[in-house]
Each structure stands twice: as structure tokens, then as C-alpha cells.
Amino acid sequence: MVHKVIEVGKSKAVVIPKELVAKAGLRKGSLVDVTYNAQDGSLVLRPVTEQVGIDAHFSRALQKGLNRYKNVLKELASR
């Protein structure tokens, strides 16, 4: 599958097809680990199955803050 890199704010993104999202067990808010292989130039995307070093309470508080300030964060990212 060939996909185009798009611009999102000052970052770049690639849309993951719905079928691959389902096969990987991803959903909105899923964490992924992205690594770069210098030998062949590939990018590897892997689902994160556990949050190493982050306890559940902190994770919930972080998500609550991100949801609360979503619009402000989008505005800052667009600058």
C-alpha cells in the first residue's frame, strides 16, 4: 500500500487504513511505538501493550487533562 505523507500542524502524518487499524487492535487513543531502522530506512509502528513506568492514576489524570485542553493544545500546535 502506498500512502501520502500529510502535514498536521508542524508535524507530518500518514493515515493508517481502517483494515490495518483493526488487524493491529488499535483504536483512538491507542499508544504506538515508532522506530527507525537506519539500515534500510524503514519505519516500524508497534502497538504498546503496557505503559511502562506510568501508573494507572497518572495515565487517567493525563488523559483527562489532554481532553480538557484539547482545543488549546490544537491551537498551540498550529502556531
PDB file of N, CA and C in Angstrom:
ATOM      1  N   MET A   1       0.839  -1.187   0.000  1.00  0.00           N
ATOM      2  CA  MET A   1       0.000   0.000   0.000  1.00  0.00           C
ATOM      3  C   MET A   1       0.877   1.241   0.000  1.00  0.00           C
ATOM      4  N   VAL A   2       0.599   2.154  -0.848  1.00  0.00           N
ATOM      5  CA  VAL A   2       1.332   3.416  -0.900  1.00  0.00           C
ATOM      6  C   VAL A   2       0.414   4.508  -0.357  1.00  0.00           C
ATOM      7  N   HIS A   3       0.941   5.303   0.569  1.00  0.00           N
ATOM      8  CA  HIS A   3       0.174   6.397   1.158  1.00  0.00           C
ATOM      9  C   HIS A   3       1.005   7.663   1.123  1.00  0.00           C
ATOM     10  N   LYS A   4       0.339   8.781   1.123  1.00  0.00           N
ATOM     11  CA  LYS A   4       0.991  10.084   1.065  1.00  0.00           C
ATOM     12  C   LYS A   4       1.211  10.630   2.477  1.00  0.00           C
ATOM     13  N   VAL A   5       2.372  11.226   2.699  1.00  0.00           N
ATOM     14  CA  VAL A   5       2.653  11.901   3.965  1.00  0.00           C
ATOM     15  C   VAL A   5       1.942  13.249   3.918  1.00  0.00           C
ATOM     16  N   ILE A   6       1.177  13.550   4.956  1.00  0.00           N
ATOM     17  CA  ILE A   6       0.436  14.813   5.020  1.00  0.00           C
ATOM     18  C   ILE A   6       0.973  15.664   6.166  1.00  0.00           C
ATOM     19  N   GLU A   7       0.626  16.931   6.157  1.00  0.00           N
ATOM     20  CA  GLU A   7       1.048  17.840   7.209  1.00  0.00           C
ATOM     21  C   GLU A   7      -0.098  18.046   8.187  1.00  0.00           C
ATOM     22  N   VAL A   8       0.224  17.916   9.476  1.00  0.00           N
ATOM     23  CA  VAL A   8      -0.740  18.142  10.552  1.00  0.00           C
ATOM     24  C   VAL A   8      -0.082  19.123  11.501  1.00  0.00           C
ATOM     25  N   GLY A   9      -0.479  20.390  11.423  1.00  0.00           N
ATOM     26  CA  GLY A   9       0.218  21.421  12.182  1.00  0.00           C
ATOM     27  C   GLY A   9       1.630  21.535  11.651  1.00  0.00           C
ATOM     28  N   LYS A  10       2.621  21.407  12.535  1.00  0.00           N
ATOM     29  CA  LYS A  10       4.019  21.446  12.105  1.00  0.00           C
ATOM     30  C   LYS A  10       4.601  20.045  11.993  1.00  0.00           C
ATOM     31  N   SER A  11       3.773  19.026  12.185  1.00  0.00           N
ATOM     32  CA  SER A  11       4.217  17.639  12.113  1.00  0.00           C
ATOM     33  C   SER A  11       3.771  17.013  10.799  1.00  0.00           C
ATOM     34  N   LYS A  12       4.247  15.827  10.558  1.00  0.00           N
ATOM     35  CA  LYS A  12       3.849  15.052   9.385  1.00  0.00           C
ATOM     36  C   LYS A  12       3.121  13.812   9.868  1.00  0.00           C
ATOM     37  N   ALA A  13       2.221  13.283   9.028  1.00  0.00           N
ATOM     38  CA  ALA A  13       1.426  12.118   9.415  1.00  0.00           C
ATOM     39  C   ALA A  13       1.122  11.265   8.199  1.00  0.00           C
ATOM     40  N   VAL A  14       0.823  10.016   8.456  1.00  0.00           N
ATOM     41  CA  VAL A  14       0.345   9.085   7.444  1.00  0.00           C
ATOM     42  C   VAL A  14      -0.925   8.467   7.999  1.00  0.00           C
ATOM     43  N   VAL A  15      -1.965   8.418   7.199  1.00  0.00           N
ATOM     44  CA  VAL A  15      -3.223   7.824   7.641  1.00  0.00           C
ATOM     45  C   VAL A  15      -3.091   6.307   7.553  1.00  0.00           C
ATOM     46  N   ILE A  16      -3.452   5.634   8.627  1.00  0.00           N
ATOM     47  CA  ILE A  16      -3.408   4.166   8.658  1.00  0.00           C
ATOM     48  C   ILE A  16      -4.775   3.657   8.200  1.00  0.00           C
ATOM     49  N   PRO A  17      -4.792   2.811   7.169  1.00  0.00           N
ATOM     50  CA  PRO A  17      -6.080   2.297   6.679  1.00  0.00           C
ATOM     51  C   PRO A  17      -6.857   1.565   7.772  1.00  0.00           C
ATOM     52  N   LYS A  18      -8.171   1.701   7.711  1.00  0.00           N
ATOM     53  CA  LYS A  18      -9.067   1.132   8.709  1.00  0.00           C
ATOM     54  C   LYS A  18      -8.830  -0.366   8.909  1.00  0.00           C
ATOM     55  N   GLU A  19      -8.581  -1.084   7.835  1.00  0.00           N
ATOM     56  CA  GLU A  19      -8.379  -2.529   7.928  1.00  0.00           C
ATOM     57  C   GLU A  19      -7.134  -2.862   8.760  1.00  0.00           C
ATOM     58  N   LEU A  20      -6.049  -2.087   8.564  1.00  0.00           N
ATOM     59  CA  LEU A  20      -4.828  -2.333   9.320  1.00  0.00           C
ATOM     60  C   LEU A  20      -4.981  -1.926  10.781  1.00  0.00           C
ATOM     61  N   VAL A  21      -5.734  -0.858  11.023  1.00  0.00           N
ATOM     62  CA  VAL A  21      -6.013  -0.433  12.403  1.00  0.00           C
ATOM     63  C   VAL A  21      -6.732  -1.561  13.137  1.00  0.00           C
ATOM     64  N   ALA A  22      -7.716  -2.156  12.482  1.00  0.00           N
ATOM     65  CA  ALA A  22      -8.471  -3.249  13.091  1.00  0.00           C
ATOM     66  C   ALA A  22      -7.578  -4.467  13.325  1.00  0.00           C
ATOM     67  N   LYS A  23      -6.770  -4.837  12.336  1.00  0.00           N
ATOM     68  CA  LYS A  23      -5.897  -6.012  12.475  1.00  0.00           C
ATOM     69  C   LYS A  23      -4.888  -5.834  13.606  1.00  0.00           C
ATOM     70  N   ALA A  24      -4.405  -4.591  13.793  1.00  0.00           N
ATOM     71  CA  ALA A  24      -3.416  -4.314  14.840  1.00  0.00           C
ATOM     72  C   ALA A  24      -4.068  -4.123  16.210  1.00  0.00           C
ATOM     73  N   GLY A  25      -5.400  -4.072  16.241  1.00  0.00           N
ATOM     74  CA  GLY A  25      -6.106  -3.890  17.508  1.00  0.00           C
ATOM     75  C   GLY A  25      -6.000  -2.469  18.039  1.00  0.00           C
ATOM     76  N   LEU A  26      -5.809  -1.504  17.134  1.00  0.00           N
ATOM     77  CA  LEU A  26      -5.693  -0.102  17.548  1.00  0.00           C
ATOM     78  C   LEU A  26      -7.058   0.561  17.591  1.00  0.00           C
ATOM     79  N   ARG A  27      -7.136   1.626  18.354  1.00  0.00           N
ATOM     80  CA  ARG A  27      -8.339   2.468  18.389  1.00  0.00           C
ATOM     81  C   ARG A  27      -7.888   3.880  18.733  1.00  0.00           C
ATOM     82  N   LYS A  28      -8.810   4.812  18.680  1.00  0.00           N
ATOM     83  CA  LYS A  28      -8.466   6.194  19.019  1.00  0.00           C
ATOM     84  C   LYS A  28      -7.888   6.224  20.431  1.00  0.00           C
ATOM     85  N   GLY A  29      -6.726   6.857  20.564  1.00  0.00           N
ATOM     86  CA  GLY A  29      -6.077   6.950  21.864  1.00  0.00           C
ATOM     87  C   GLY A  29      -5.070   5.839  22.135  1.00  0.00           C
ATOM     88  N   SER A  30      -4.987   4.840  21.246  1.00  0.00           N
ATOM     89  CA  SER A  30      -4.005   3.773  21.424  1.00  0.00           C
ATOM     90  C   SER A  30      -2.598   4.340  21.369  1.00  0.00           C
ATOM     91  N   LEU A  31      -1.715   3.746  22.155  1.00  0.00           N
ATOM     92  CA  LEU A  31      -0.314   4.132  22.121  1.00  0.00           C
ATOM     93  C   LEU A  31       0.434   3.240  21.143  1.00  0.00           C
ATOM     94  N   VAL A  32       1.339   3.848  20.371  1.00  0.00           N
ATOM     95  CA  VAL A  32       2.173   3.084  19.444  1.00  0.00           C
ATOM     96  C   VAL A  32       3.623   3.497  19.629  1.00  0.00           C
ATOM     97  N   ASP A  33       4.513   2.574  19.367  1.00  0.00           N
ATOM     98  CA  ASP A  33       5.945   2.832  19.411  1.00  0.00           C
ATOM     99  C   ASP A  33       6.418   2.904  17.965  1.00  0.00           C
ATOM    100  N   VAL A  34       7.084   3.994  17.601  1.00  0.00           N
ATOM    101  CA  VAL A  34       7.591   4.167  16.242  1.00  0.00           C
ATOM    102  C   VAL A  34       9.111   4.158  16.302  1.00  0.00           C
ATOM    103  N   THR A  35       9.725   3.269  15.519  1.00  0.00           N
ATOM    104  CA  THR A  35      11.181   3.196  15.471  1.00  0.00           C
ATOM    105  C   THR A  35      11.650   3.336  14.036  1.00  0.00           C
ATOM    106  N   TYR A  36      12.894   3.772  13.892  1.00  0.00           N
ATOM    107  CA  TYR A  36      13.509   3.960  12.582  1.00  0.00           C
ATOM    108  C   TYR A  36      14.656   2.976  12.430  1.00  0.00           C
ATOM    109  N   ASN A  37      14.688   2.268  11.317  1.00  0.00           N
ATOM    110  CA  ASN A  37      15.756   1.322  11.024  1.00  0.00           C
ATOM    111  C   ASN A  37      16.708   1.990  10.034  1.00  0.00           C
ATOM    112  N   ALA A  38      17.880   2.396  10.498  1.00  0.00           N
ATOM    113  CA  ALA A  38      18.842   3.109   9.668  1.00  0.00           C
ATOM    114  C   ALA A  38      19.399   2.238   8.543  1.00  0.00           C
ATOM    115  N   GLN A  39      19.395   0.924   8.716  1.00  0.00           N
ATOM    116  CA  GLN A  39      19.950   0.035   7.698  1.00  0.00           C
ATOM    117  C   GLN A  39      19.149   0.056   6.407  1.00  0.00           C
ATOM    118  N   ASP A  40      17.824   0.039   6.523  1.00  0.00           N
ATOM    119  CA  ASP A  40      17.010   0.026   5.302  1.00  0.00           C
ATOM    120  C   ASP A  40      16.077   1.238   5.176  1.00  0.00           C
ATOM    121  N   GLY A  41      16.127   2.153   6.148  1.00  0.00           N
ATOM    122  CA  GLY A  41      15.308   3.367   6.085  1.00  0.00           C
ATOM    123  C   GLY A  41      13.848   3.145   6.433  1.00  0.00           C
ATOM    124  N   SER A  42      13.521   1.991   6.993  1.00  0.00           N
ATOM    125  CA  SER A  42      12.121   1.701   7.295  1.00  0.00           C
ATOM    126  C   SER A  42      11.692   2.296   8.634  1.00  0.00           C
ATOM    127  N   LEU A  43      10.416   2.589   8.720  1.00  0.00           N
ATOM    128  CA  LEU A  43       9.780   2.983   9.976  1.00  0.00           C
ATOM    129  C   LEU A  43       8.922   1.807  10.419  1.00  0.00           C
ATOM    130  N   VAL A  44       8.990   1.479  11.694  1.00  0.00           N
ATOM    131  CA  VAL A  44       8.208   0.365  12.223  1.00  0.00           C
ATOM    132  C   VAL A  44       7.279   0.908  13.303  1.00  0.00           C
ATOM    133  N   LEU A  45       6.014   0.576  13.182  1.00  0.00           N
ATOM    134  CA  LEU A  45       4.986   1.027  14.113  1.00  0.00           C
ATOM    135  C   LEU A  45       4.468  -0.198  14.860  1.00  0.00           C
ATOM    136  N   ARG A  46       4.560  -0.184  16.197  1.00  0.00           N
ATOM    137  CA  ARG A  46       4.096  -1.317  17.008  1.00  0.00           C
ATOM    138  C   ARG A  46       3.146  -0.821  18.101  1.00  0.00           C
ATOM    139  N   PRO A  47       2.043  -1.552  18.318  1.00  0.00           N
ATOM    140  CA  PRO A  47       1.156  -1.180  19.426  1.00  0.00           C
ATOM    141  C   PRO A  47       1.887  -1.343  20.762  1.00  0.00           C
ATOM    142  N   VAL A  48       1.642  -0.426  21.672  1.00  0.00           N
ATOM    143  CA  VAL A  48       2.199  -0.527  23.023  1.00  0.00           C
ATOM    144  C   VAL A  48       1.153  -1.239  23.859  1.00  0.00           C
ATOM    145  N   THR A  49       1.546  -2.380  24.411  1.00  0.00           N
ATOM    146  CA  THR A  49       0.573  -3.178  25.150  1.00  0.00           C
ATOM    147  C   THR A  49       0.531  -2.842  26.628  1.00  0.00           C
ATOM    148  N   GLU A  50       1.589  -2.194  27.121  1.00  0.00           N
ATOM    149  CA  GLU A  50       1.583  -1.784  28.527  1.00  0.00           C
ATOM    150  C   GLU A  50       2.303  -0.446  28.645  1.00  0.00           C
ATOM    151  N   GLN A  51       1.899   0.327  29.597  1.00  0.00           N
ATOM    152  CA  GLN A  51       2.511   1.621  29.824  1.00  0.00           C
ATOM    153  C   GLN A  51       3.603   1.457  30.866  1.00  0.00           C
ATOM    154  N   VAL A  52       4.816   1.306  30.397  1.00  0.00           N
ATOM    155  CA  VAL A  52       5.954   1.104  31.284  1.00  0.00           C
ATOM    156  C   VAL A  52       6.248   2.389  32.048  1.00  0.00           C
ATOM    157  N   GLY A  53       6.306   2.303  33.383  1.00  0.00           N
ATOM    158  CA  GLY A  53       6.686   3.432  34.200  1.00  0.00           C
ATOM    159  C   GLY A  53       5.584   4.455  34.456  1.00  0.00           C
ATOM    160  N   ILE A  54       4.383   4.230  33.939  1.00  0.00           N
ATOM    161  CA  ILE A  54       3.279   5.165  34.163  1.00  0.00           C
ATOM    162  C   ILE A  54       2.170   4.396  34.872  1.00  0.00           C
ATOM    163  N   ASP A  55       1.823   4.838  36.070  1.00  0.00           N
ATOM    164  CA  ASP A  55       0.757   4.127  36.772  1.00  0.00           C
ATOM    165  C   ASP A  55      -0.618   4.552  36.244  1.00  0.00           C
ATOM    166  N   ALA A  56      -1.617   3.775  36.558  1.00  0.00           N
ATOM    167  CA  ALA A  56      -2.969   3.988  36.044  1.00  0.00           C
ATOM    168  C   ALA A  56      -3.534   5.340  36.461  1.00  0.00           C
ATOM    169  N   HIS A  57      -3.275   5.764  37.699  1.00  0.00           N
ATOM    170  CA  HIS A  57      -3.797   7.044  38.185  1.00  0.00           C
ATOM    171  C   HIS A  57      -3.230   8.196  37.360  1.00  0.00           C
ATOM    172  N   PHE A  58      -1.915   8.183  37.139  1.00  0.00           N
ATOM    173  CA  PHE A  58      -1.283   9.233  36.343  1.00  0.00           C
ATOM    174  C   PHE A  58      -1.811   9.219  34.914  1.00  0.00           C
ATOM    175  N   SER A  59      -1.956   8.040  34.346  1.00  0.00           N
ATOM    176  CA  SER A  59      -2.445   7.912  32.977  1.00  0.00           C
ATOM    177  C   SER A  59      -3.850   8.506  32.831  1.00  0.00           C
ATOM    178  N   ARG A  60      -4.733   8.225  33.796  1.00  0.00           N
ATOM    179  CA  ARG A  60      -6.099   8.779  33.765  1.00  0.00           C
ATOM    180  C   ARG A  60      -6.076  10.295  33.903  1.00  0.00           C
ATOM    181  N   ALA A  61      -5.238  10.805  34.803  1.00  0.00           N
ATOM    182  CA  ALA A  61      -5.141  12.256  35.005  1.00  0.00           C
ATOM    183  C   ALA A  61      -4.602  12.936  33.752  1.00  0.00           C
ATOM    184  N   LEU A  62      -3.608  12.333  33.132  1.00  0.00           N
ATOM    185  CA  LEU A  62      -3.059  12.885  31.899  1.00  0.00           C
ATOM    186  C   LEU A  62      -4.112  12.923  30.799  1.00  0.00           C
ATOM    187  N   GLN A  63      -4.840  11.831  30.621  1.00  0.00           N
ATOM    188  CA  GLN A  63      -5.883  11.782  29.586  1.00  0.00           C
ATOM    189  C   GLN A  63      -6.969  12.820  29.861  1.00  0.00           C
ATOM    190  N   LYS A  64      -7.336  12.990  31.125  1.00  0.00           N
ATOM    191  CA  LYS A  64      -8.349  13.985  31.491  1.00  0.00           C
ATOM    192  C   LYS A  64      -7.866  15.393  31.124  1.00  0.00           C
ATOM    193  N   GLY A  65      -6.603  15.690  31.430  1.00  0.00           N
ATOM    194  CA  GLY A  65      -6.042  16.996  31.090  1.00  0.00           C
ATOM    195  C   GLY A  65      -5.958  17.211  29.587  1.00  0.00           C
ATOM    196  N   LEU A  66      -5.553  16.182  28.852  1.00  0.00           N
ATOM    197  CA  LEU A  66      -5.484  16.299  27.394  1.00  0.00           C
ATOM    198  C   LEU A  66      -6.863  16.541  26.798  1.00  0.00           C
ATOM    199  N   ASN A  67      -7.864  15.846  27.311  1.00  0.00           N
ATOM    200  CA  ASN A  67      -9.235  16.057  26.824  1.00  0.00           C
ATOM    201  C   ASN A  67      -9.731  17.456  27.166  1.00  0.00           C
ATOM    202  N   ARG A  68      -9.445  17.910  28.380  1.00  0.00           N
ATOM    203  CA  ARG A  68      -9.924  19.218  28.835  1.00  0.00           C
ATOM    204  C   ARG A  68      -9.324  20.359  28.013  1.00  0.00           C
ATOM    205  N   TYR A  69      -8.037  20.239  27.684  1.00  0.00           N
ATOM    206  CA  TYR A  69      -7.349  21.320  26.981  1.00  0.00           C
ATOM    207  C   TYR A  69      -7.074  20.995  25.514  1.00  0.00           C
ATOM    208  N   LYS A  70      -7.880  20.099  24.945  1.00  0.00           N
ATOM    209  CA  LYS A  70      -7.689  19.653  23.569  1.00  0.00           C
ATOM    210  C   LYS A  70      -7.645  20.826  22.585  1.00  0.00           C
ATOM    211  N   ASN A  71      -8.590  21.743  22.691  1.00  0.00           N
ATOM    212  CA  ASN A  71      -8.648  22.865  21.750  1.00  0.00           C
ATOM    213  C   ASN A  71      -7.456  23.809  21.905  1.00  0.00           C
ATOM    214  N   VAL A  72      -7.049  24.049  23.125  1.00  0.00           N
ATOM    215  CA  VAL A  72      -5.886  24.910  23.385  1.00  0.00           C
ATOM    216  C   VAL A  72      -4.627  24.256  22.815  1.00  0.00           C
ATOM    217  N   LEU A  73      -4.476  22.966  23.030  1.00  0.00           N
ATOM    218  CA  LEU A  73      -3.311  22.255  22.521  1.00  0.00           C
ATOM    219  C   LEU A  73      -3.288  22.243  20.989  1.00  0.00           C
ATOM    220  N   LYS A  74      -4.446  22.100  20.370  1.00  0.00           N
ATOM    221  CA  LYS A  74      -4.515  22.162  18.892  1.00  0.00           C
ATOM    222  C   LYS A  74      -4.090  23.533  18.397  1.00  0.00           C
ATOM    223  N   GLU A  75      -4.551  24.575  19.091  1.00  0.00           N
ATOM    224  CA  GLU A  75      -4.180  25.953  18.712  1.00  0.00           C
ATOM    225  C   GLU A  75      -2.685  26.157  18.839  1.00  0.00           C
ATOM    226  N   LEU A  76      -2.105  25.691  19.935  1.00  0.00           N
ATOM    227  CA  LEU A  76      -0.657  25.828  20.124  1.00  0.00           C
ATOM    228  C   LEU A  76       0.119  25.048  19.054  1.00  0.00           C
ATOM    229  N   ALA A  77      -0.366  23.874  18.697  1.00  0.00           N
ATOM    230  CA  ALA A  77       0.319  23.041  17.694  1.00  0.00           C
ATOM    231  C   ALA A  77       0.281  23.680  16.315  1.00  0.00           C
ATOM    232  N   SER A  78      -0.726  24.506  16.058  1.00  0.00           N
ATOM    233  CA  SER A  78      -0.867  25.118  14.719  1.00  0.00           C
ATOM    234  C   SER A  78       0.005  26.360  14.562  1.00  0.00           C
ATOM    235  N   ARG A  79       0.646  26.798  15.631  1.00  0.00           N
ATOM    236  CA  ARG A  79       1.476  28.013  15.565  1.00  0.00           C
ATOM    237  C   ARG A  79       2.853  27.713  15.082  1.00  0.00           C
TER     238      ARG A  79
END
